[in-house]
C-alpha atoms as a PDB file:
ATOM      1  CA  MET A   1     -18.009  10.765 -11.465  1.00  0.00           C
ATOM      2  CA  LYS A   2     -17.004   8.002 -13.914  1.00  0.00           C
ATOM      3  CA  LEU A   3     -13.215   7.611 -13.846  1.00  0.00           C
ATOM      4  CA  TYR A   4     -12.524   4.057 -14.987  1.00  0.00           C
ATOM      5  CA  THR A   5     -13.948   0.936 -16.607  1.00  0.00           C
ATOM      6  CA  GLU A   6     -13.981  -2.142 -14.349  1.00  0.00           C
ATOM      7  CA  ASP A   7     -11.772  -5.100 -15.287  1.00  0.00           C
ATOM      8  CA  PRO A   8     -12.966  -8.509 -13.993  1.00  0.00           C
ATOM      9  CA  GLY A   9      -9.310  -9.571 -13.695  1.00  0.00           C
ATOM     10  CA  TRP A  10      -8.739  -7.032 -10.919  1.00  0.00           C
ATOM     11  CA  HIS A  11     -10.540  -9.213  -8.374  1.00  0.00           C
ATOM     12  CA  GLU A  12      -7.960 -11.979  -8.774  1.00  0.00           C
ATOM     13  CA  LYS A  13      -5.097  -9.495  -8.489  1.00  0.00           C
ATOM     14  CA  ILE A  14      -6.598  -7.950  -5.350  1.00  0.00           C
ATOM     15  CA  GLY A  15      -7.008 -11.407  -3.821  1.00  0.00           C
ATOM     16  CA  GLY A  16      -3.358 -12.146  -4.553  1.00  0.00           C
ATOM     17  CA  ILE A  17      -2.278  -8.905  -2.863  1.00  0.00           C
ATOM     18  CA  HIS A  18      -4.328  -9.765   0.241  1.00  0.00           C
ATOM     19  CA  ALA A  19      -2.537 -13.128   0.436  1.00  0.00           C
ATOM     20  CA  LEU A  20       0.867 -11.500  -0.036  1.00  0.00           C
ATOM     21  CA  LEU A  21       0.212  -9.067   2.824  1.00  0.00           C
ATOM     22  CA  GLU A  22      -0.095 -12.056   5.155  1.00  0.00           C
ATOM     23  CA  ARG A  23       3.274 -13.271   3.903  1.00  0.00           C
ATOM     24  CA  VAL A  24       4.727  -9.801   4.520  1.00  0.00           C
ATOM     25  CA  LYS A  25       3.665 -10.018   8.172  1.00  0.00           C
ATOM     26  CA  ILE A  26       5.377 -13.391   8.508  1.00  0.00           C
ATOM     27  CA  SER A  27       8.529 -12.193   6.741  1.00  0.00           C
ATOM     28  CA  GLU A  28       8.765  -9.196   9.102  1.00  0.00           C
ATOM     29  CA  GLU A  29       8.460 -11.483  12.116  1.00  0.00           C
ATOM     30  CA  GLN A  30      11.290 -13.643  10.753  1.00  0.00           C
ATOM     31  CA  SER A  31      13.490 -10.674   9.844  1.00  0.00           C
ATOM     32  CA  GLY A  32      16.569 -10.062  11.954  1.00  0.00           C
ATOM     33  CA  ASP A  33      15.643  -6.411  12.555  1.00  0.00           C
ATOM     34  CA  VAL A  34      12.248  -5.022  11.494  1.00  0.00           C
ATOM     35  CA  LEU A  35      13.234  -1.374  12.051  1.00  0.00           C
ATOM     36  CA  HIS A  36      16.299  -1.796   9.843  1.00  0.00           C
ATOM     37  CA  LEU A  37      14.225  -3.565   7.181  1.00  0.00           C
ATOM     38  CA  ARG A  38      11.641  -0.768   7.156  1.00  0.00           C
ATOM     39  CA  LYS A  39      14.283   1.938   6.978  1.00  0.00           C
ATOM     40  CA  MET A  40      15.883   0.149   4.020  1.00  0.00           C
ATOM     41  CA  SER A  41      12.558   0.106   2.197  1.00  0.00           C
ATOM     42  CA  ARG A  42      11.832   3.757   3.018  1.00  0.00           C
ATOM     43  CA  LEU A  43      15.265   4.755   1.701  1.00  0.00           C
ATOM     44  CA  LEU A  44      14.618   2.800  -1.509  1.00  0.00           C
ATOM     45  CA  SER A  45      11.293   4.627  -1.912  1.00  0.00           C
ATOM     46  CA  ILE A  46      12.840   8.059  -1.318  1.00  0.00           C
ATOM     47  CA  HIS A  47      15.680   7.402  -3.747  1.00  0.00           C
ATOM     48  CA  SER A  48      13.337   6.054  -6.424  1.00  0.00           C
ATOM     49  CA  SER A  49      10.656   8.740  -6.144  1.00  0.00           C
ATOM     50  CA  THR A  50      13.223  11.529  -6.481  1.00  0.00           C
ATOM     51  CA  ALA A  51      15.242   9.702  -9.175  1.00  0.00           C
ATOM     52  CA  ILE A  52      12.110   9.442 -11.332  1.00  0.00           C
ATOM     53  CA  GLU A  53      12.072  13.249 -11.359  1.00  0.00           C
ATOM     54  CA  GLY A  54      15.742  13.447 -12.380  1.00  0.00           C
ATOM     55  CA  ASN A  55      17.525  13.591  -9.001  1.00  0.00           C
ATOM     56  CA  ARG A  56      21.150  12.453  -9.507  1.00  0.00           C
ATOM     57  CA  LEU A  57      22.003  11.249  -6.008  1.00  0.00           C
ATOM     58  CA  THR A  58      22.768   7.538  -5.826  1.00  0.00           C
ATOM     59  CA  LEU A  59      21.113   5.220  -3.327  1.00  0.00           C
ATOM     60  CA  GLY A  60      24.355   5.212  -1.321  1.00  0.00           C
ATOM     61  CA  GLN A  61      24.389   9.024  -1.241  1.00  0.00           C
ATOM     62  CA  VAL A  62      20.727   9.146  -0.188  1.00  0.00           C
ATOM     63  CA  THR A  63      21.511   6.682   2.617  1.00  0.00           C
ATOM     64  CA  ASP A  64      24.513   8.730   3.786  1.00  0.00           C
ATOM     65  CA  LEU A  65      22.517  11.960   3.659  1.00  0.00           C
ATOM     66  CA  ILE A  66      19.683  10.551   5.785  1.00  0.00           C
ATOM     67  CA  ASN A  67      22.230   9.094   8.196  1.00  0.00           C
ATOM     68  CA  GLY A  68      23.744  12.563   8.681  1.00  0.00           C
ATOM     69  CA  LYS A  69      26.936  12.045   6.687  1.00  0.00           C
ATOM     70  CA  PRO A  70      28.330  14.695   4.313  1.00  0.00           C
ATOM     71  CA  VAL A  71      27.349  14.169   0.682  1.00  0.00           C
ATOM     72  CA  LEU A  72      28.814  15.807  -2.419  1.00  0.00           C
ATOM     73  CA  GLY A  73      25.958  16.704  -4.759  1.00  0.00           C
ATOM     74  CA  LEU A  74      23.927  19.535  -6.205  1.00  0.00           C
ATOM     75  CA  PRO A  75      22.214  21.562  -3.458  1.00  0.00           C
ATOM     76  CA  ARG A  76      18.843  21.120  -5.170  1.00  0.00           C
ATOM     77  CA  ASP A  77      19.202  17.322  -5.244  1.00  0.00           C
ATOM     78  CA  ILE A  78      20.187  17.270  -1.560  1.00  0.00           C
ATOM     79  CA  GLN A  79      17.250  19.497  -0.601  1.00  0.00           C
ATOM     80  CA  GLU A  80      14.856  17.366  -2.644  1.00  0.00           C
ATOM     81  CA  VAL A  81      15.885  14.174  -0.808  1.00  0.00           C
ATOM     82  CA  ARG A  82      15.654  15.857   2.608  1.00  0.00           C
ATOM     83  CA  ASN A  83      12.204  17.132   1.707  1.00  0.00           C
ATOM     84  CA  ALA A  84      11.012  13.695   0.595  1.00  0.00           C
ATOM     85  CA  TRP A  85      12.331  12.043   3.759  1.00  0.00           C
ATOM     86  CA  HIS A  86      10.468  14.599   5.864  1.00  0.00           C
ATOM     87  CA  ALA A  87       7.247  14.258   3.851  1.00  0.00           C
ATOM     88  CA  TYR A  88       7.188  10.457   4.099  1.00  0.00           C
ATOM     89  CA  ASN A  89       7.961  10.532   7.813  1.00  0.00           C
ATOM     90  CA  GLU A  90       5.024  12.928   8.296  1.00  0.00           C
ATOM     91  CA  MET A  91       2.679  10.565   6.461  1.00  0.00           C
ATOM     92  CA  VAL A  92       1.045   9.289   9.659  1.00  0.00           C
ATOM     93  CA  ARG A  93      -0.272  12.816  10.288  1.00  0.00           C
ATOM     94  CA  TYR A  94      -1.885  13.318   6.861  1.00  0.00           C
ATOM     95  CA  GLU A  95      -5.561  12.717   6.186  1.00  0.00           C
ATOM     96  CA  PRO A  96      -5.866  11.516   2.568  1.00  0.00           C
ATOM     97  CA  TRP A  97      -9.188  13.289   1.898  1.00  0.00           C
ATOM     98  CA  SER A  98      -8.085  16.679   3.251  1.00  0.00           C
ATOM     99  CA  THR A  99      -7.141  19.357   0.733  1.00  0.00           C
ATOM    100  CA  ASP A 100      -5.222  21.206   3.465  1.00  0.00           C
ATOM    101  CA  ASP A 101      -3.127  18.105   4.172  1.00  0.00           C
ATOM    102  CA  LEU A 102      -2.453  17.618   0.455  1.00  0.00           C
ATOM    103  CA  LEU A 103      -1.133  21.187   0.304  1.00  0.00           C
ATOM    104  CA  THR A 104       0.906  20.667   3.482  1.00  0.00           C
ATOM    105  CA  ALA A 105       2.473  17.511   2.056  1.00  0.00           C
ATOM    106  CA  HIS A 106       3.304  19.349  -1.170  1.00  0.00           C
ATOM    107  CA  ALA A 107       4.963  22.092   0.892  1.00  0.00           C
ATOM    108  CA  HIS A 108       7.062  19.436   2.667  1.00  0.00           C
ATOM    109  CA  LEU A 109       8.078  17.872  -0.667  1.00  0.00           C
ATOM    110  CA  THR A 110       8.964  21.111  -2.456  1.00  0.00           C
ATOM    111  CA  ASP A 111      10.183  23.398   0.340  1.00  0.00           C
ATOM    112  CA  ALA A 112      12.817  25.864  -0.961  1.00  0.00           C
ATOM    113  CA  LEU A 113      12.615  24.300  -4.434  1.00  0.00           C
ATOM    114  CA  ILE A 114       9.750  25.926  -6.356  1.00  0.00           C
ATOM    115  CA  GLU A 115       7.478  28.938  -6.463  1.00  0.00           C
ATOM    116  CA  GLU A 116       4.040  28.369  -4.961  1.00  0.00           C
ATOM    117  CA  SER A 117       5.259  25.517  -2.766  1.00  0.00           C
ATOM    118  CA  GLY A 118       2.257  24.242  -0.840  1.00  0.00           C
ATOM    119  CA  HIS A 119      -0.172  26.158  -3.087  1.00  0.00           C
ATOM    120  CA  PHE A 120      -2.150  25.238  -6.161  1.00  0.00           C
ATOM    121  CA  ARG A 121      -0.595  26.665  -9.303  1.00  0.00           C
ATOM    122  CA  SER A 122      -1.741  29.995 -10.678  1.00  0.00           C
ATOM    123  CA  VAL A 123      -0.512  29.331 -14.239  1.00  0.00           C
ATOM    124  CA  GLY A 124      -1.096  26.781 -16.989  1.00  0.00           C
ATOM    125  CA  VAL A 125       1.257  23.783 -17.250  1.00  0.00           C
ATOM    126  CA  ALA A 126       1.985  21.040 -19.770  1.00  0.00           C
ATOM    127  CA  VAL A 127       3.946  17.785 -19.745  1.00  0.00           C
ATOM    128  CA  VAL A 128       6.433  18.083 -22.611  1.00  0.00           C
ATOM    129  CA  ARG A 129       8.560  15.296 -24.091  1.00  0.00           C
ATOM    130  CA  GLY A 130      12.267  15.824 -24.722  1.00  0.00           C
ATOM    131  CA  ASP A 131      11.642  16.606 -28.406  1.00  0.00           C
ATOM    132  CA  GLY A 132       9.171  19.357 -27.480  1.00  0.00           C
ATOM    133  CA  THR A 133       5.989  17.357 -28.087  1.00  0.00           C
ATOM    134  CA  VAL A 134       3.232  18.221 -25.609  1.00  0.00           C
ATOM    135  CA  MET A 135       2.105  14.940 -24.009  1.00  0.00           C
ATOM    136  CA  HIS A 136      -0.550  16.371 -21.708  1.00  0.00           C
ATOM    137  CA  ARG A 137      -1.885  19.737 -20.587  1.00  0.00           C
ATOM    138  CA  GLY A 138      -2.955  20.158 -16.978  1.00  0.00           C
ATOM    139  CA  SER A 139      -6.437  21.373 -16.146  1.00  0.00           C
ATOM    140  CA  PRO A 140      -6.969  25.179 -16.325  1.00  0.00           C
ATOM    141  CA  ALA A 141      -5.481  26.796 -13.212  1.00  0.00           C
ATOM    142  CA  GLU A 142      -8.741  28.420 -12.175  1.00  0.00           C
ATOM    143  CA  GLN A 143     -10.445  24.996 -12.099  1.00  0.00           C
ATOM    144  CA  VAL A 144      -7.747  23.194 -10.071  1.00  0.00           C
ATOM    145  CA  PRO A 145      -9.047  23.830  -6.499  1.00  0.00           C
ATOM    146  CA  ALA A 146     -12.567  22.641  -7.363  1.00  0.00           C
ATOM    147  CA  LEU A 147     -11.295  19.608  -9.283  1.00  0.00           C
ATOM    148  CA  VAL A 148      -9.053  18.501  -6.411  1.00  0.00           C
ATOM    149  CA  GLU A 149     -11.886  18.994  -3.914  1.00  0.00           C
ATOM    150  CA  GLN A 150     -14.161  16.909  -6.140  1.00  0.00           C
ATOM    151  CA  LEU A 151     -11.529  14.159  -6.465  1.00  0.00           C
ATOM    152  CA  LEU A 152     -10.907  13.923  -2.719  1.00  0.00           C
ATOM    153  CA  ARG A 153     -14.646  13.954  -2.020  1.00  0.00           C
ATOM    154  CA  TRP A 154     -15.021  11.056  -4.462  1.00  0.00           C
ATOM    155  CA  GLY A 155     -12.191   9.204  -2.717  1.00  0.00           C
ATOM    156  CA  LYS A 156     -13.745   9.682   0.701  1.00  0.00           C
ATOM    157  CA  THR A 157     -17.178   8.390  -0.354  1.00  0.00           C
ATOM    158  CA  SER A 158     -16.307   5.812  -3.014  1.00  0.00           C
ATOM    159  CA  LYS A 159     -16.903   2.136  -2.211  1.00  0.00           C
ATOM    160  CA  ALA A 160     -14.045   1.085  -4.516  1.00  0.00           C
ATOM    161  CA  HIS A 161     -11.358  -1.130  -3.009  1.00  0.00           C
ATOM    162  CA  PRO A 162      -8.449   0.948  -1.596  1.00  0.00           C
ATOM    163  CA  LEU A 163      -6.071  -0.653  -4.128  1.00  0.00           C
ATOM    164  CA  ILE A 164      -8.271   0.672  -6.947  1.00  0.00           C
ATOM    165  CA  LYS A 165      -9.151   3.946  -5.235  1.00  0.00           C
ATOM    166  CA  SER A 166      -5.511   4.816  -4.486  1.00  0.00           C
ATOM    167  CA  SER A 167      -4.520   4.187  -8.115  1.00  0.00           C
ATOM    168  CA  VAL A 168      -7.363   6.388  -9.370  1.00  0.00           C
ATOM    169  CA  VAL A 169      -6.360   9.262  -7.061  1.00  0.00           C
ATOM    170  CA  HIS A 170      -2.712   8.895  -8.119  1.00  0.00           C
ATOM    171  CA  TYR A 171      -3.699   9.021 -11.789  1.00  0.00           C
ATOM    172  CA  MET A 172      -6.096  11.934 -11.392  1.00  0.00           C
ATOM    173  CA  LEU A 173      -3.506  14.026  -9.561  1.00  0.00           C
ATOM    174  CA  GLU A 174      -1.235  13.532 -12.575  1.00  0.00           C
ATOM    175  CA  TYR A 175      -4.114  14.346 -14.934  1.00  0.00           C
ATOM    176  CA  ILE A 176      -5.200  17.528 -13.126  1.00  0.00           C
ATOM    177  CA  HIS A 177      -1.553  18.467 -12.472  1.00  0.00           C
ATOM    178  CA  PRO A 178      -2.506  20.811  -9.610  1.00  0.00           C
ATOM    179  CA  PHE A 179       0.992  22.154  -8.871  1.00  0.00           C
ATOM    180  CA  ARG A 180       3.732  23.956 -10.757  1.00  0.00           C
ATOM    181  CA  ASP A 181       6.084  21.061  -9.951  1.00  0.00           C
ATOM    182  CA  GLY A 182       6.112  17.962  -7.755  1.00  0.00           C
ATOM    183  CA  ASN A 183       2.939  16.435  -9.212  1.00  0.00           C
ATOM    184  CA  GLY A 184       4.524  13.019  -9.721  1.00  0.00           C
ATOM    185  CA  ARG A 185       5.975  12.974  -6.207  1.00  0.00           C
ATOM    186  CA  ILE A 186       2.694  14.028  -4.568  1.00  0.00           C
ATOM    187  CA  GLY A 187       0.747  11.486  -6.638  1.00  0.00           C
ATOM    188  CA  ARG A 188       2.980   8.600  -5.545  1.00  0.00           C
ATOM    189  CA  LEU A 189       3.014   9.787  -1.926  1.00  0.00           C
ATOM    190  CA  TRP A 190      -0.781  10.132  -1.865  1.00  0.00           C
ATOM    191  CA  GLN A 191      -1.291   6.631  -3.226  1.00  0.00           C
ATOM    192  CA  THR A 192       1.054   5.289  -0.543  1.00  0.00           C
ATOM    193  CA  LEU A 193      -0.879   7.285   2.075  1.00  0.00           C
ATOM    194  CA  ILE A 194      -4.262   5.873   1.009  1.00  0.00           C
ATOM    195  CA  LEU A 195      -2.849   2.341   1.079  1.00  0.00           C
ATOM    196  CA  PHE A 196      -1.215   2.989   4.457  1.00  0.00           C
ATOM    197  CA  LYS A 197      -4.580   4.054   5.925  1.00  0.00           C
ATOM    198  CA  TRP A 198      -6.010   0.761   4.653  1.00  0.00           C
ATOM    199  CA  ASN A 199      -3.087  -1.394   5.830  1.00  0.00           C
ATOM    200  CA  PRO A 200      -0.194   0.145   7.836  1.00  0.00           C
ATOM    201  CA  LEU A 201       2.314  -2.216   6.180  1.00  0.00           C
ATOM    202  CA  PHE A 202       2.108  -0.063   3.046  1.00  0.00           C
ATOM    203  CA  ALA A 203       4.020   2.712   4.805  1.00  0.00           C
ATOM    204  CA  TRP A 204       7.136   0.645   4.076  1.00  0.00           C
ATOM    205  CA  MET A 205       6.354  -0.914   0.698  1.00  0.00           C
ATOM    206  CA  PRO A 206       8.793   0.278  -1.988  1.00  0.00           C
ATOM    207  CA  VAL A 207       6.148   0.823  -4.699  1.00  0.00           C
ATOM    208  CA  GLU A 208       8.163   3.773  -6.017  1.00  0.00           C
ATOM    209  CA  THR A 209      11.152   1.469  -6.554  1.00  0.00           C
ATOM    210  CA  LEU A 210       9.164  -0.654  -9.000  1.00  0.00           C
ATOM    211  CA  VAL A 211       7.896   2.458 -10.779  1.00  0.00           C
ATOM    212  CA  HIS A 212      11.468   3.776 -11.022  1.00  0.00           C
ATOM    213  CA  HIS A 213      12.737   0.577 -12.630  1.00  0.00           C
ATOM    214  CA  ASN A 214       9.812   0.575 -15.062  1.00  0.00           C
ATOM    215  CA  GLN A 215       9.413   4.248 -15.907  1.00  0.00           C
ATOM    216  CA  ALA A 216       8.620   3.598 -19.558  1.00  0.00           C
ATOM    217  CA  LEU A 217       5.675   1.366 -18.592  1.00  0.00           C
ATOM    218  CA  TYR A 218       4.582   3.881 -15.932  1.00  0.00           C
ATOM    219  CA  TYR A 219       4.439   6.761 -18.393  1.00  0.00           C
ATOM    220  CA  LYS A 220       2.836   4.552 -21.060  1.00  0.00           C
ATOM    221  CA  ALA A 221       0.085   3.604 -18.590  1.00  0.00           C
ATOM    222  CA  LEU A 222      -0.501   7.299 -17.864  1.00  0.00           C
ATOM    223  CA  GLN A 223      -0.563   8.134 -21.556  1.00  0.00           C
ATOM    224  CA  ASP A 224      -2.850   5.216 -22.439  1.00  0.00           C
ATOM    225  CA  SER A 225      -5.269   6.425 -19.764  1.00  0.00           C
ATOM    226  CA  HIS A 226      -5.263   9.923 -21.272  1.00  0.00           C
ATOM    227  CA  THR A 227      -5.902   8.667 -24.823  1.00  0.00           C
ATOM    228  CA  GLY A 228      -9.360   9.104 -26.317  1.00  0.00           C
ATOM    229  CA  SER A 229     -12.060   9.271 -23.678  1.00  0.00           C
ATOM    230  CA  GLN A 230     -10.325   9.556 -20.319  1.00  0.00           C
ATOM    231  CA  ASP A 231     -10.306   6.157 -18.577  1.00  0.00           C
ATOM    232  CA  CYS A 232      -7.619   5.260 -16.029  1.00  0.00           C
ATOM    233  CA  ARG A 233      -8.093   1.496 -16.419  1.00  0.00           C
ATOM    234  CA  PRO A 234      -4.590   1.027 -17.991  1.00  0.00           C
ATOM    235  CA  PHE A 235      -2.996   2.908 -15.096  1.00  0.00           C
ATOM    236  CA  ILE A 236      -4.871   0.815 -12.515  1.00  0.00           C
ATOM    237  CA  ASP A 237      -3.649  -2.336 -14.300  1.00  0.00           C
ATOM    238  CA  PHE A 238      -0.064  -1.134 -14.089  1.00  0.00           C
ATOM    239  CA  MET A 239      -0.262  -0.073 -10.445  1.00  0.00           C
ATOM    240  CA  LEU A 240      -1.876  -3.330  -9.277  1.00  0.00           C
ATOM    241  CA  ASP A 241       1.064  -5.201 -10.808  1.00  0.00           C
ATOM    242  CA  ALA A 242       3.551  -2.732  -9.305  1.00  0.00           C
ATOM    243  CA  ILE A 243       1.959  -3.043  -5.848  1.00  0.00           C
ATOM    244  CA  GLU A 244       1.961  -6.835  -6.018  1.00  0.00           C
ATOM    245  CA  ASN A 245       5.585  -6.857  -7.097  1.00  0.00           C
ATOM    246  CA  SER A 246       6.561  -4.390  -4.369  1.00  0.00           C
ATOM    247  CA  LEU A 247       5.271  -6.923  -1.840  1.00  0.00           C
ATOM    248  CA  TYR A 248       7.356  -9.663  -3.444  1.00  0.00           C
ATOM    249  CA  LYS A 249      10.372  -7.359  -3.284  1.00  0.00           C
ATOM    250  CA  TYR A 250       9.771  -6.509   0.366  1.00  0.00           C
ATOM    251  CA  ILE A 251       9.474 -10.213   1.246  1.00  0.00           C
ATOM    252  CA  ASP A 252      12.687 -10.824  -0.686  1.00  0.00           C
ATOM    253  CA  VAL A 253      14.568  -8.094   1.204  1.00  0.00           C
ATOM    254  CA  ALA A 254      13.142  -9.375   4.504  1.00  0.00           C
ATOM    255  CA  THR A 255      14.401 -12.869   3.693  1.00  0.00           C
ATOM    256  CA  GLU A 256      17.873 -11.524   2.956  1.00  0.00           C
ATOM    257  CA  THR A 257      17.813  -9.488   6.168  1.00  0.00           C
ATOM    258  CA  ALA A 258      16.915 -12.552   8.203  1.00  0.00           C
ATOM    259  CA  ALA A 259      19.493 -14.783   6.534  1.00  0.00           C
ATOM    260  CA  ASP A 260      22.418 -12.620   5.587  1.00  0.00           C
ATOM    261  CA  VAL A 261      22.335  -9.020   6.787  1.00  0.00           C
ATOM    262  CA  PRO A 262      23.762  -7.875  10.105  1.00  0.00           C
ATOM    263  CA  VAL A 263      21.993  -4.908  11.728  1.00  0.00           C
ATOM    264  CA  ASN A 264      24.643  -2.323  10.847  1.00  0.00           C
ATOM    265  CA  VAL A 265      25.148  -3.294   7.201  1.00  0.00           C
ATOM    266  CA  PRO A 266      24.672  -0.522   4.562  1.00  0.00           C
ATOM    267  CA  VAL A 267      21.356  -0.427   2.747  1.00  0.00           C
ATOM    268  CA  ASN A 268      22.851  -1.207  -0.665  1.00  0.00           C
ATOM    269  CA  VAL A 269      24.125  -4.687   0.234  1.00  0.00           C
ATOM    270  CA  PRO A 270      24.584  -7.231  -2.562  1.00  0.00           C
ATOM    271  CA  VAL A 271      21.490  -9.371  -3.056  1.00  0.00           C
ATOM    272  CA  ASN A 272      21.191 -13.097  -3.607  1.00  0.00           C
ATOM    273  CA  GLY A 273      21.618 -14.529  -7.113  1.00  0.00           C
ATOM    274  CA  MET A 274      18.998 -13.768  -9.741  1.00  0.00           C
ATOM    275  CA  PRO A 275      18.176 -17.460 -10.437  1.00  0.00           C
ATOM    276  CA  ASP A 276      17.215 -18.032  -6.795  1.00  0.00           C
ATOM    277  CA  LYS A 277      15.021 -14.933  -6.822  1.00  0.00           C
ATOM    278  CA  ILE A 278      13.237 -16.158  -9.960  1.00  0.00           C
ATOM    279  CA  LEU A 279      12.674 -19.598  -8.454  1.00  0.00           C
ATOM    280  CA  ARG A 280      11.235 -18.068  -5.272  1.00  0.00           C
ATOM    281  CA  MET A 281       8.814 -15.984  -7.317  1.00  0.00           C
ATOM    282  CA  LEU A 282       7.727 -18.979  -9.385  1.00  0.00           C
ATOM    283  CA  ARG A 283       7.111 -21.084  -6.281  1.00  0.00           C
ATOM    284  CA  ALA A 284       4.754 -18.351  -5.069  1.00  0.00           C
ATOM    285  CA  ASP A 285       3.183 -17.709  -8.487  1.00  0.00           C
ATOM    286  CA  PRO A 286       3.749 -20.494 -11.075  1.00  0.00           C
ATOM    287  CA  LYS A 287       1.959 -18.447 -13.760  1.00  0.00           C
ATOM    288  CA  ALA A 288       4.169 -15.367 -13.377  1.00  0.00           C
ATOM    289  CA  THR A 289       5.278 -13.960 -16.731  1.00  0.00           C
ATOM    290  CA  ALA A 290       8.776 -12.814 -17.625  1.00  0.00           C
ATOM    291  CA  GLN A 291       7.488  -9.228 -17.766  1.00  0.00           C
ATOM    292  CA  LYS A 292       5.951  -9.483 -14.297  1.00  0.00           C
ATOM    293  CA  MET A 293       9.164 -10.935 -12.833  1.00  0.00           C
ATOM    294  CA  ALA A 294      11.252  -8.283 -14.567  1.00  0.00           C
ATOM    295  CA  LEU A 295       9.025  -5.586 -13.042  1.00  0.00           C
ATOM    296  CA  ALA A 296       9.523  -7.058  -9.570  1.00  0.00           C
ATOM    297  CA  LEU A 297      13.260  -7.586  -9.920  1.00  0.00           C
ATOM    298  CA  GLY A 298      14.133  -4.296 -11.606  1.00  0.00           C
ATOM    299  CA  VAL A 299      15.660  -5.948 -14.692  1.00  0.00           C
ATOM    300  CA  THR A 300      14.685  -6.376 -18.347  1.00  0.00           C
ATOM    301  CA  ASP A 301      12.457  -9.107 -19.774  1.00  0.00           C
ATOM    302  CA  LYS A 302      15.476 -10.328 -21.729  1.00  0.00           C
ATOM    303  CA  THR A 303      17.469 -10.864 -18.515  1.00  0.00           C
ATOM    304  CA  VAL A 304      14.661 -12.910 -16.949  1.00  0.00           C
ATOM    305  CA  LYS A 305      14.212 -15.007 -20.107  1.00  0.00           C
ATOM    306  CA  ARG A 306      17.934 -15.726 -20.204  1.00  0.00           C
ATOM    307  CA  HIS A 307      17.854 -17.011 -16.611  1.00  0.00           C
ATOM    308  CA  LEU A 308      14.704 -19.046 -17.302  1.00  0.00           C
ATOM    309  CA  LYS A 309      16.475 -20.750 -20.212  1.00  0.00           C
ATOM    310  CA  THR A 310      19.497 -21.555 -18.032  1.00  0.00           C
ATOM    311  CA  LEU A 311      17.327 -22.896 -15.191  1.00  0.00           C
ATOM    312  CA  ARG A 312      15.520 -25.208 -17.623  1.00  0.00           C
ATOM    313  CA  GLU A 313      18.808 -26.439 -19.038  1.00  0.00           C
ATOM    314  CA  GLN A 314      20.018 -27.139 -15.487  1.00  0.00           C
ATOM    315  CA  GLY A 315      16.897 -29.189 -14.769  1.00  0.00           C
ATOM    316  CA  ARG A 316      15.770 -26.840 -11.963  1.00  0.00           C
ATOM    317  CA  LEU A 317      12.685 -25.599 -13.793  1.00  0.00           C
ATOM    318  CA  LYS A 318      10.243 -26.915 -16.366  1.00  0.00           C
ATOM    319  CA  ARG A 319       7.339 -25.482 -18.324  1.00  0.00           C
ATOM    320  CA  VAL A 320       4.014 -27.323 -18.109  1.00  0.00           C
ATOM    321  CA  GLY A 321       1.569 -26.547 -20.921  1.00  0.00           C
ATOM    322  CA  SER A 322       1.728 -23.843 -23.566  1.00  0.00           C
ATOM    323  CA  ASP A 323       3.534 -20.514 -23.358  1.00  0.00           C
ATOM    324  CA  LYS A 324       0.215 -18.676 -23.063  1.00  0.00           C
ATOM    325  CA  THR A 325      -1.869 -20.865 -20.744  1.00  0.00           C
ATOM    326  CA  GLY A 326       0.710 -23.076 -19.017  1.00  0.00           C
ATOM    327  CA  HIS A 327       2.683 -22.632 -15.819  1.00  0.00           C
ATOM    328  CA  TRP A 328       6.162 -23.129 -14.369  1.00  0.00           C
ATOM    329  CA  GLU A 329       7.111 -26.007 -12.128  1.00  0.00           C
ATOM    330  CA  VAL A 330      10.139 -25.657  -9.858  1.00  0.00           C
ATOM    331  CA  ILE A 331      12.036 -28.928  -9.499  1.00  0.00           C
ATOM    332  CA  GLU A 332      13.330 -29.283  -5.942  1.00  0.00           C
END
């Protein structure tokens, strides 16, 4: 079952993620309240994963809803957030290579929202752009159960690194499109689940937040992987960057929690200034690109480049070498 072409650059990215996970452990230990930090990240993930699918509740409304406060919103949006919160909290009970658990998780995510909740679809589906252009057609409905079984069997037996394997499963669930609705949500949840089984810290990593802030790149990576002969290498590239940046973001939030955030503060507290965030990232990774930092920070490349220019003018940052092969040096 050939699903992707290897990229030699992945080994370096995987090594960087391993190193960042050690920093995550340290940042949690230094955080003022680990439970609060993890709940903040889970709320960010729930808000982002549902917002990607068009949910209109704000992060503040999602936080209030989960905390049991009344929220004014469309009943469907409220139900969708409640479902996602339940599904993610049940994650510890799911087995990633079990078809039954995949169906159970889908039922949790889509309860009272769609027909055939918790069941493979019985009809054909297509991903259609706003102008009516068909971007992708899901696999024939009669083939879906066998294709999902084959995918999960591959995942269980494959020797691929969990970071690669989880990205492949995520992509293939989008490609097969096994459900009438909720395919994006189940794909992101299942990647988080596979990573969580590898390293429990991933239960709290806001990967979905990075995807939400970079939806155009997310969908481009999916589309590039569909183009020509199916090869999910572009999607793996994107997800490795998103995972790495989610770790940076978690460390950043942990640092703010330790330094600034009392235990009972709302989840959507103001964050430290953008220049300081950029400098922290460049200390950790002097070769980070503007695009990579923008992905991590949830802003545009243009915003990052503007701050880089200001930091250089202030004498706090300098570029060593060329734009392509050089690196940044933070001036203390």
